[in-house]
Amino acid sequence: MGLFFSRNIAKFLLSSFFSSQKFPSQIENVVSVVSSRTGRHRQRYNQEYRLVVGCIPYRYKDALKSFSVDNIEVLGISSQKGQAMMFPKGGWENDESMETAALRETLEEAGVVGNIEKRLGKWYYKSKNQATMHEAYMFPLQVTKLLENWPEKDFRRREWMSVEKAREVCPQWMKEALDLLISQRTELEQSLDEEETPCS
């Protein structure tokens, strides 16, 4: 979302949470542009469709085990004006890459950073409260940092939840994105296991 976020607060985030570690330049770029996102004058459109991007933040319950439905949790956030749960997403602006926009929105709305992965796909949906049509792109994000303070902390709540619960509470198109994440990663894990299995 385009809430004002001062450069002083951005610097506070940098110094408070990343002072003791090397700060990835990709995330540094995200934090540096948050302050200027105030409105939709840079918003990208594809004809009548507003372009939005977002992430499905996830973490492993047991870091020693491989990816599976039972071994991951995903991070949901509430809508600004209600209790509906979803994954972080927002407008893709014309001066940033798709990946940078997805990371920025996830930082702003959910207060997490991490390793963004290959794009899952494209979906179309209509806003509940507006007539605006959207063209949406989603990415998996393996969370590496959970921030205590972030731009929309006072407007949203966040919750780690099981894949099963996320399927119950998220909008239909986000459920499809989540299912695609699960299926793709499960197939990848299976192929890796097959490669590691010695020939008899």
Protein backbone atom coordinates (compact mmCIF):
# COMPACT_ATOMS: atom_id res chain seq x y z
CA MET A 1 0.00 0.00 0.00
CA GLY A 2 1.06 3.61 -0.46
CA LEU A 3 1.25 4.76 3.14
CA PHE A 4 3.86 7.42 3.89
CA PHE A 5 6.98 5.95 5.44
CA SER A 6 9.71 8.47 6.35
CA ARG A 7 13.37 7.97 5.53
CA ASN A 8 14.14 8.25 9.23
CA ILE A 9 11.97 5.21 9.96
CA ALA A 10 13.55 3.38 7.04
CA LYS A 11 16.97 4.10 8.54
CA PHE A 12 15.68 2.87 11.92
CA LEU A 13 14.70 -0.44 10.32
CA LEU A 14 18.09 -0.77 8.75
CA SER A 15 20.01 0.00 11.93
CA SER A 16 17.74 -1.95 14.30
CA PHE A 17 17.36 -5.21 12.44
CA PHE A 18 20.28 -5.50 10.08
CA SER A 19 23.22 -3.69 11.70
CA SER A 20 24.97 -6.91 12.67
CA GLN A 21 24.62 -8.65 9.31
CA LYS A 22 25.38 -7.99 5.69
CA PHE A 23 22.26 -6.35 4.26
CA PRO A 24 21.29 -7.66 0.80
CA SER A 25 21.32 -4.88 -1.78
CA GLN A 26 17.98 -6.06 -3.15
CA ILE A 27 16.23 -5.49 0.19
CA GLU A 28 18.17 -2.29 0.76
CA ASN A 29 16.72 -0.94 -2.47
CA VAL A 30 13.23 -1.92 -1.32
CA VAL A 31 13.53 -0.03 1.96
CA SER A 32 15.01 3.01 0.25
CA VAL A 33 11.98 3.49 -2.03
CA VAL A 34 9.20 2.88 0.49
CA SER A 35 9.23 6.54 1.57
CA SER A 36 8.19 7.79 -1.86
CA ARG A 37 5.19 5.49 -2.34
CA THR A 38 2.28 7.85 -1.65
CA GLY A 39 -0.52 7.35 -4.13
CA ARG A 40 -1.01 5.70 -7.50
CA HIS A 41 0.51 8.20 -9.93
CA ARG A 42 3.22 5.63 -10.81
CA GLN A 43 0.81 2.70 -11.00
CA ARG A 44 1.16 0.32 -13.94
CA TYR A 45 -1.88 -0.72 -15.99
CA ASN A 46 -2.46 -3.23 -18.76
CA GLN A 47 -5.36 -1.57 -20.55
CA GLU A 48 -8.19 -1.65 -17.95
CA TYR A 49 -6.33 -3.96 -15.56
CA ARG A 50 -4.38 -2.53 -12.62
CA LEU A 51 -1.16 -4.54 -12.22
CA VAL A 52 -0.48 -5.87 -8.73
CA VAL A 53 2.26 -8.11 -7.35
CA GLY A 54 2.69 -9.95 -4.09
CA CYS A 55 4.32 -12.77 -2.19
CA ILE A 56 3.35 -15.90 -0.33
CA PRO A 57 5.70 -15.69 2.68
CA TYR A 58 6.56 -19.10 4.10
CA ARG A 59 8.90 -20.69 6.61
CA TYR A 60 9.89 -24.22 7.58
CA LYS A 61 8.67 -25.68 10.86
CA ASP A 62 11.74 -27.92 10.90
CA ALA A 63 14.66 -26.52 8.94
CA LEU A 64 16.27 -29.95 8.77
CA LYS A 65 13.34 -31.45 6.87
CA SER A 66 12.45 -30.89 3.24
CA PHE A 67 9.59 -28.85 1.80
CA SER A 68 6.15 -30.36 2.38
CA VAL A 69 2.64 -29.25 3.25
CA ASP A 70 3.14 -30.45 6.82
CA ASN A 71 6.53 -28.79 7.23
CA ILE A 72 5.74 -25.21 6.23
CA GLU A 73 3.69 -22.32 7.55
CA VAL A 74 2.56 -19.36 5.48
CA LEU A 75 2.09 -15.79 6.70
CA GLY A 76 -1.31 -14.24 6.24
CA ILE A 77 -2.25 -10.62 6.90
CA SER A 78 -5.57 -8.97 7.58
CA SER A 79 -7.14 -6.43 5.25
CA GLN A 80 -6.75 -2.81 6.32
CA LYS A 81 -10.43 -2.28 7.01
CA GLY A 82 -11.57 -5.73 8.04
CA GLN A 83 -10.65 -9.17 9.28
CA ALA A 84 -10.36 -10.93 5.94
CA MET A 85 -7.02 -12.72 5.62
CA MET A 86 -4.79 -12.73 2.54
CA PHE A 87 -1.20 -12.67 1.39
CA PRO A 88 0.61 -9.33 1.00
CA LYS A 89 0.20 -7.70 -2.40
CA GLY A 90 -0.14 -4.28 -3.94
CA GLY A 91 0.45 -2.05 -6.94
CA TRP A 92 3.37 -2.57 -9.30
CA GLU A 93 4.77 0.86 -10.12
CA ASN A 94 6.48 1.97 -13.32
CA ASP A 95 9.90 2.70 -11.81
CA GLU A 96 10.53 -0.71 -10.26
CA SER A 97 10.89 -4.32 -11.34
CA MET A 98 8.17 -6.84 -10.61
CA GLU A 99 10.34 -8.56 -7.99
CA THR A 100 11.24 -5.29 -6.25
CA ALA A 101 7.58 -4.29 -6.10
CA ALA A 102 6.63 -7.66 -4.60
CA LEU A 103 9.36 -7.35 -1.95
CA ARG A 104 8.35 -3.78 -1.15
CA GLU A 105 4.68 -4.63 -0.72
CA THR A 106 5.56 -7.60 1.48
CA LEU A 107 7.78 -5.44 3.67
CA GLU A 108 5.16 -2.69 3.92
CA GLU A 109 2.17 -4.91 4.65
CA ALA A 110 3.61 -7.94 6.45
CA GLY A 111 6.91 -6.73 7.88
CA VAL A 112 9.00 -9.59 6.54
CA VAL A 113 11.95 -9.91 4.19
CA GLY A 114 13.48 -12.97 2.65
CA ASN A 115 14.51 -14.82 -0.49
CA ILE A 116 12.12 -14.31 -3.37
CA GLU A 117 11.70 -17.26 -5.70
CA LYS A 118 10.47 -17.91 -9.24
CA ARG A 119 7.17 -16.28 -10.19
CA LEU A 120 4.18 -18.57 -9.71
CA GLY A 121 1.87 -17.21 -12.38
CA LYS A 122 -0.76 -14.65 -13.31
CA TRP A 123 -4.33 -14.24 -12.06
CA TYR A 124 -7.25 -11.89 -12.69
CA TYR A 125 -9.65 -10.67 -10.04
CA LYS A 126 -12.04 -7.82 -9.25
CA SER A 127 -11.96 -5.73 -6.08
CA LYS A 128 -14.83 -6.36 -3.68
CA ASN A 129 -15.36 -2.68 -2.91
CA GLN A 130 -14.45 -1.22 -6.30
CA ALA A 131 -15.09 -1.89 -9.94
CA THR A 132 -11.36 -2.07 -10.65
CA MET A 133 -10.07 -5.17 -12.40
CA HIS A 134 -6.64 -6.48 -11.47
CA GLU A 135 -3.94 -8.52 -13.14
CA ALA A 136 -1.94 -10.13 -10.34
CA TYR A 137 1.44 -11.85 -10.15
CA MET A 138 2.59 -13.83 -7.10
CA PHE A 139 5.97 -15.06 -5.86
CA PRO A 140 7.00 -17.46 -3.10
CA LEU A 141 9.12 -15.78 -0.42
CA GLN A 142 11.14 -17.84 2.04
CA VAL A 143 11.19 -15.57 5.09
CA THR A 144 14.53 -14.79 6.70
CA LYS A 145 13.57 -11.80 8.88
CA LEU A 146 10.38 -11.05 10.81
CA LEU A 147 10.39 -7.35 11.71
CA GLU A 148 8.88 -6.01 14.92
CA ASN A 149 8.11 -2.64 13.33
CA TRP A 150 6.94 -2.09 9.77
CA PRO A 151 4.93 0.55 7.85
CA GLU A 152 1.45 -0.99 8.25
CA LYS A 153 1.85 -2.52 11.70
CA ASP A 154 -0.96 -0.33 13.09
CA PHE A 155 -3.37 -1.25 10.28
CA ARG A 156 -2.97 -4.99 9.90
CA ARG A 157 -2.43 -8.10 11.94
CA ARG A 158 -0.32 -10.98 10.71
CA GLU A 159 -0.57 -14.66 11.47
CA TRP A 160 1.51 -17.71 10.73
CA MET A 161 -0.84 -20.47 9.68
CA SER A 162 -0.93 -23.91 8.16
CA VAL A 163 -1.45 -24.40 4.46
CA GLU A 164 -4.83 -25.94 5.26
CA LYS A 165 -5.99 -22.86 7.15
CA ALA A 166 -4.69 -20.51 4.46
CA ARG A 167 -6.77 -22.39 1.91
CA GLU A 168 -9.84 -21.75 4.08
CA VAL A 169 -9.36 -18.02 4.67
CA CYS A 170 -7.68 -16.58 1.56
CA PRO A 171 -9.43 -15.36 -1.61
CA GLN A 172 -9.90 -17.97 -4.32
CA TRP A 173 -7.16 -16.69 -6.63
CA MET A 174 -4.66 -16.69 -3.77
CA LYS A 175 -5.64 -20.28 -2.93
CA GLU A 176 -4.79 -21.18 -6.51
CA ALA A 177 -1.40 -19.46 -6.17
CA LEU A 178 -0.75 -21.33 -2.92
CA ASP A 179 -1.71 -24.67 -4.46
CA LEU A 180 0.64 -23.94 -7.35
CA LEU A 181 3.47 -23.20 -4.92
CA ILE A 182 2.86 -26.47 -3.10
CA SER A 183 2.65 -28.56 -6.26
CA GLN A 184 5.73 -27.02 -7.87
CA ARG A 185 7.91 -27.35 -4.79
CA THR A 186 6.68 -30.89 -4.08
CA GLU A 187 7.57 -31.94 -7.63
CA LEU A 188 10.99 -30.31 -7.25
CA GLU A 189 11.66 -32.14 -3.98
CA GLN A 190 10.63 -35.44 -5.53
CA SER A 191 12.90 -34.94 -8.54
CA LEU A 192 15.83 -34.09 -6.26
CA ASP A 193 15.19 -37.20 -4.19
CA GLU A 194 15.15 -39.32 -7.35
CA GLU A 195 18.47 -37.83 -8.47
CA GLU A 196 20.04 -38.66 -5.11
CA THR A 197 18.74 -42.25 -5.04
CA PRO A 198 21.63 -44.60 -5.98
CA CYS A 199 21.13 -47.03 -8.81
CA SER A 200 20.70 -50.64 -7.76
